[in-house]
Amino acid sequence: MEPVLTSKSSHIGEHRIVKELGVVKTKKTALMGSAYSSEAEALADLKAETRRMGANGIINMTASHSHWTGKCDGLSGLAVILEPLAGS
């Protein structure tokens, strides 16, 4: 899959976002910096960026665990989260 957006933030780290079937997939580094008071606040910012892309959900893939919410699939070693965005 080719990334359609790569953004780098000193606060939430780097994440690549690809759009596939109306869903955004992100792979990002750990939370960095202190501009956000919580991961929930950082996720809200990522959701806003997702909406700007016109996608209807987020799949977040990390190495073995989720930085946000969800559960590890235990097979691929990736945490896969599908979180529909309100108002999509």
N, C-alpha and C. Protein backbone atom coordinates (compact mmCIF):
# COMPACT_ATOMS: atom_id res chain seq x y z
N MET A 1 0.85 -1.19 0.00
CA MET A 1 0.00 0.00 0.00
C MET A 1 0.88 1.24 0.00
N GLU A 2 0.53 2.19 -0.79
CA GLU A 2 1.27 3.44 -0.84
C GLU A 2 0.67 4.43 0.15
N PRO A 3 1.50 5.06 0.96
CA PRO A 3 0.95 6.07 1.85
C PRO A 3 0.42 7.26 1.05
N VAL A 4 -0.75 7.75 1.44
CA VAL A 4 -1.29 8.93 0.77
C VAL A 4 -1.00 10.18 1.59
N LEU A 5 -0.60 9.98 2.82
CA LEU A 5 -0.27 11.13 3.67
C LEU A 5 0.79 10.68 4.66
N THR A 6 1.85 11.43 4.77
CA THR A 6 2.83 11.20 5.83
C THR A 6 2.94 12.50 6.60
N SER A 7 2.69 12.42 7.89
CA SER A 7 2.82 13.64 8.67
C SER A 7 3.74 13.37 9.84
N LYS A 8 4.44 14.38 10.25
CA LYS A 8 5.36 14.24 11.37
C LYS A 8 5.02 15.32 12.38
N SER A 9 4.79 14.92 13.59
CA SER A 9 4.48 15.86 14.67
C SER A 9 5.44 15.59 15.80
N SER A 10 5.94 16.65 16.42
CA SER A 10 6.83 16.45 17.56
C SER A 10 6.05 15.96 18.77
N HIS A 11 4.73 15.94 18.66
CA HIS A 11 3.91 15.56 19.81
C HIS A 11 3.40 14.14 19.72
N ILE A 12 2.92 13.71 18.56
CA ILE A 12 2.38 12.36 18.48
C ILE A 12 3.26 11.44 17.65
N GLY A 13 4.45 11.90 17.30
CA GLY A 13 5.35 11.07 16.55
C GLY A 13 4.99 11.04 15.08
N GLU A 14 5.64 10.17 14.37
CA GLU A 14 5.40 10.08 12.93
C GLU A 14 4.40 8.98 12.67
N HIS A 15 3.47 9.22 11.79
CA HIS A 15 2.54 8.17 11.39
C HIS A 15 2.29 8.27 9.90
N ARG A 16 2.17 7.12 9.29
CA ARG A 16 1.82 7.06 7.88
C ARG A 16 0.35 6.68 7.81
N ILE A 17 -0.35 7.35 6.94
CA ILE A 17 -1.78 7.09 6.80
C ILE A 17 -2.05 6.67 5.37
N VAL A 18 -2.70 5.54 5.19
CA VAL A 18 -3.09 5.11 3.86
C VAL A 18 -4.60 4.94 3.85
N LYS A 19 -5.20 5.27 2.74
CA LYS A 19 -6.64 5.19 2.63
C LYS A 19 -6.98 3.98 1.79
N GLU A 20 -7.79 3.11 2.34
CA GLU A 20 -8.17 1.90 1.62
C GLU A 20 -9.60 1.57 2.00
N LEU A 21 -10.47 1.48 1.02
CA LEU A 21 -11.88 1.13 1.24
C LEU A 21 -12.55 2.04 2.27
N GLY A 22 -12.21 3.31 2.23
CA GLY A 22 -12.85 4.27 3.12
C GLY A 22 -12.37 4.22 4.55
N VAL A 23 -11.28 3.52 4.80
CA VAL A 23 -10.75 3.41 6.15
C VAL A 23 -9.32 3.90 6.13
N VAL A 24 -8.92 4.59 7.18
CA VAL A 24 -7.54 5.05 7.28
C VAL A 24 -6.77 4.06 8.13
N LYS A 25 -5.60 3.64 7.64
CA LYS A 25 -4.72 2.80 8.44
C LYS A 25 -3.52 3.65 8.84
N THR A 26 -3.14 3.60 10.09
CA THR A 26 -2.00 4.37 10.53
C THR A 26 -0.98 3.47 11.19
N LYS A 27 0.27 3.79 10.99
CA LYS A 27 1.33 3.13 11.72
C LYS A 27 2.19 4.25 12.27
N LYS A 28 2.32 4.34 13.56
CA LYS A 28 2.99 5.50 14.14
C LYS A 28 3.94 5.10 15.25
N THR A 29 4.81 6.02 15.57
CA THR A 29 5.74 5.80 16.66
C THR A 29 5.06 6.16 17.98
N ALA A 30 5.77 5.97 19.05
CA ALA A 30 5.20 6.24 20.37
C ALA A 30 4.88 7.73 20.55
N LEU A 31 3.98 7.99 21.48
CA LEU A 31 3.62 9.36 21.83
C LEU A 31 4.87 10.10 22.29
N MET A 32 5.05 11.30 21.79
CA MET A 32 6.24 12.07 22.12
C MET A 32 5.82 13.48 22.54
N GLY A 33 6.68 14.12 23.31
CA GLY A 33 6.44 15.50 23.68
C GLY A 33 5.39 15.63 24.76
N SER A 34 5.06 16.86 25.10
CA SER A 34 4.13 17.09 26.20
C SER A 34 3.05 18.10 25.85
N ALA A 35 2.87 18.40 24.57
CA ALA A 35 1.85 19.39 24.20
C ALA A 35 0.45 18.85 24.44
N TYR A 36 0.29 17.51 24.35
CA TYR A 36 -1.00 16.90 24.63
C TYR A 36 -1.04 16.48 26.09
N SER A 37 -2.18 16.68 26.73
CA SER A 37 -2.28 16.30 28.14
C SER A 37 -2.53 14.81 28.31
N SER A 38 -2.95 14.14 27.22
CA SER A 38 -3.23 12.71 27.31
C SER A 38 -3.20 12.10 25.92
N GLU A 39 -3.15 10.78 25.86
CA GLU A 39 -3.23 10.11 24.57
C GLU A 39 -4.60 10.33 23.94
N ALA A 40 -5.62 10.46 24.78
CA ALA A 40 -6.97 10.71 24.25
C ALA A 40 -7.00 12.02 23.49
N GLU A 41 -6.32 13.03 24.00
CA GLU A 41 -6.26 14.32 23.32
C GLU A 41 -5.49 14.20 22.01
N ALA A 42 -4.40 13.43 22.03
CA ALA A 42 -3.63 13.22 20.81
C ALA A 42 -4.45 12.44 19.79
N LEU A 43 -5.23 11.46 20.26
CA LEU A 43 -6.08 10.68 19.35
C LEU A 43 -7.15 11.56 18.73
N ALA A 44 -7.70 12.48 19.51
CA ALA A 44 -8.70 13.39 18.97
C ALA A 44 -8.11 14.19 17.81
N ASP A 45 -6.85 14.58 17.94
CA ASP A 45 -6.18 15.32 16.88
C ASP A 45 -6.00 14.43 15.64
N LEU A 46 -5.63 13.16 15.88
CA LEU A 46 -5.47 12.23 14.77
C LEU A 46 -6.81 11.98 14.08
N LYS A 47 -7.89 11.89 14.87
CA LYS A 47 -9.22 11.71 14.28
C LYS A 47 -9.59 12.89 13.40
N ALA A 48 -9.25 14.09 13.86
CA ALA A 48 -9.55 15.28 13.06
C ALA A 48 -8.80 15.23 11.73
N GLU A 49 -7.55 14.78 11.78
CA GLU A 49 -6.77 14.65 10.56
C GLU A 49 -7.39 13.60 9.64
N THR A 50 -7.89 12.52 10.25
CA THR A 50 -8.55 11.46 9.48
C THR A 50 -9.79 11.99 8.78
N ARG A 51 -10.59 12.78 9.50
CA ARG A 51 -11.79 13.36 8.90
C ARG A 51 -11.43 14.26 7.73
N ARG A 52 -10.35 15.02 7.88
CA ARG A 52 -9.93 15.91 6.79
C ARG A 52 -9.59 15.11 5.54
N MET A 53 -9.16 13.86 5.73
CA MET A 53 -8.85 13.01 4.58
C MET A 53 -10.10 12.42 3.96
N GLY A 54 -11.24 12.55 4.65
CA GLY A 54 -12.48 12.03 4.12
C GLY A 54 -12.70 10.55 4.37
N ALA A 55 -11.96 9.97 5.31
CA ALA A 55 -12.14 8.55 5.62
C ALA A 55 -13.15 8.41 6.76
N ASN A 56 -13.63 7.18 6.95
CA ASN A 56 -14.68 6.98 7.95
C ASN A 56 -14.24 6.18 9.16
N GLY A 57 -12.97 5.88 9.27
CA GLY A 57 -12.53 5.15 10.45
C GLY A 57 -11.02 5.08 10.50
N ILE A 58 -10.51 4.56 11.60
CA ILE A 58 -9.08 4.46 11.81
C ILE A 58 -8.74 3.01 12.11
N ILE A 59 -7.74 2.48 11.45
CA ILE A 59 -7.13 1.22 11.89
C ILE A 59 -5.72 1.58 12.31
N ASN A 60 -5.41 1.33 13.56
CA ASN A 60 -4.12 1.72 14.12
C ASN A 60 -3.30 0.45 14.32
N MET A 61 -2.14 0.37 13.67
CA MET A 61 -1.31 -0.81 13.78
C MET A 61 -0.01 -0.44 14.47
N THR A 62 0.30 -1.11 15.57
CA THR A 62 1.55 -0.86 16.28
C THR A 62 2.24 -2.19 16.51
N ALA A 63 3.44 -2.13 17.03
CA ALA A 63 4.18 -3.36 17.30
C ALA A 63 3.68 -3.98 18.60
N SER A 64 2.87 -4.97 18.49
CA SER A 64 2.39 -5.85 19.58
C SER A 64 1.37 -5.25 20.54
N HIS A 65 1.16 -3.97 20.52
CA HIS A 65 0.11 -3.44 21.40
C HIS A 65 -0.42 -2.13 20.85
N SER A 66 -1.53 -1.70 21.40
CA SER A 66 -2.15 -0.47 20.96
C SER A 66 -1.69 0.69 21.84
N HIS A 67 -1.40 1.81 21.20
CA HIS A 67 -1.12 3.03 21.96
C HIS A 67 -2.41 3.74 22.33
N TRP A 68 -3.50 3.33 21.71
CA TRP A 68 -4.74 4.04 21.94
C TRP A 68 -5.75 3.13 22.63
N THR A 69 -6.55 2.42 21.87
CA THR A 69 -7.56 1.53 22.43
C THR A 69 -7.63 0.30 21.54
N GLY A 70 -8.25 -0.72 22.01
CA GLY A 70 -8.42 -1.90 21.17
C GLY A 70 -7.68 -3.08 21.73
N LYS A 71 -7.50 -4.10 20.91
CA LYS A 71 -6.87 -5.31 21.40
C LYS A 71 -5.93 -5.89 20.37
N CYS A 72 -4.94 -6.60 20.84
CA CYS A 72 -3.98 -7.23 19.95
C CYS A 72 -4.61 -8.46 19.34
N ASP A 73 -4.34 -8.68 18.05
CA ASP A 73 -4.93 -9.86 17.42
C ASP A 73 -4.18 -11.14 17.77
N GLY A 74 -2.97 -11.04 18.33
CA GLY A 74 -2.24 -12.20 18.81
C GLY A 74 -1.64 -13.05 17.71
N LEU A 75 -1.94 -12.76 16.46
CA LEU A 75 -1.44 -13.57 15.36
C LEU A 75 -0.30 -12.87 14.63
N SER A 76 -0.56 -11.67 14.18
CA SER A 76 0.44 -10.96 13.41
C SER A 76 1.34 -10.12 14.31
N GLY A 77 0.99 -10.02 15.60
CA GLY A 77 1.75 -9.16 16.49
C GLY A 77 1.39 -7.70 16.34
N LEU A 78 0.30 -7.42 15.63
CA LEU A 78 -0.14 -6.04 15.44
C LEU A 78 -1.45 -5.83 16.17
N ALA A 79 -1.57 -4.69 16.81
CA ALA A 79 -2.85 -4.31 17.37
C ALA A 79 -3.65 -3.66 16.26
N VAL A 80 -4.84 -4.13 16.05
CA VAL A 80 -5.67 -3.61 14.96
C VAL A 80 -6.93 -3.03 15.55
N ILE A 81 -7.13 -1.77 15.35
CA ILE A 81 -8.29 -1.07 15.89
C ILE A 81 -9.11 -0.52 14.74
N LEU A 82 -10.36 -0.79 14.75
CA LEU A 82 -11.27 -0.15 13.80
C LEU A 82 -12.18 0.73 14.62
N GLU A 83 -12.04 2.01 14.47
CA GLU A 83 -12.81 2.95 15.26
C GLU A 83 -13.57 3.88 14.32
N PRO A 84 -14.87 3.64 14.12
CA PRO A 84 -15.63 4.53 13.26
C PRO A 84 -15.64 5.95 13.81
N LEU A 85 -15.63 6.90 12.93
CA LEU A 85 -15.68 8.30 13.35
C LEU A 85 -17.13 8.77 13.37
N ALA A 86 -17.49 9.46 14.40
CA ALA A 86 -18.85 9.97 14.54
C ALA A 86 -19.18 10.88 13.37
N GLY A 87 -20.38 10.75 12.87
CA GLY A 87 -20.83 11.61 11.80
C GLY A 87 -20.34 11.20 10.43
N SER A 88 -19.76 10.01 10.33
CA SER A 88 -19.27 9.55 9.02
C SER A 88 -20.42 9.05 8.19
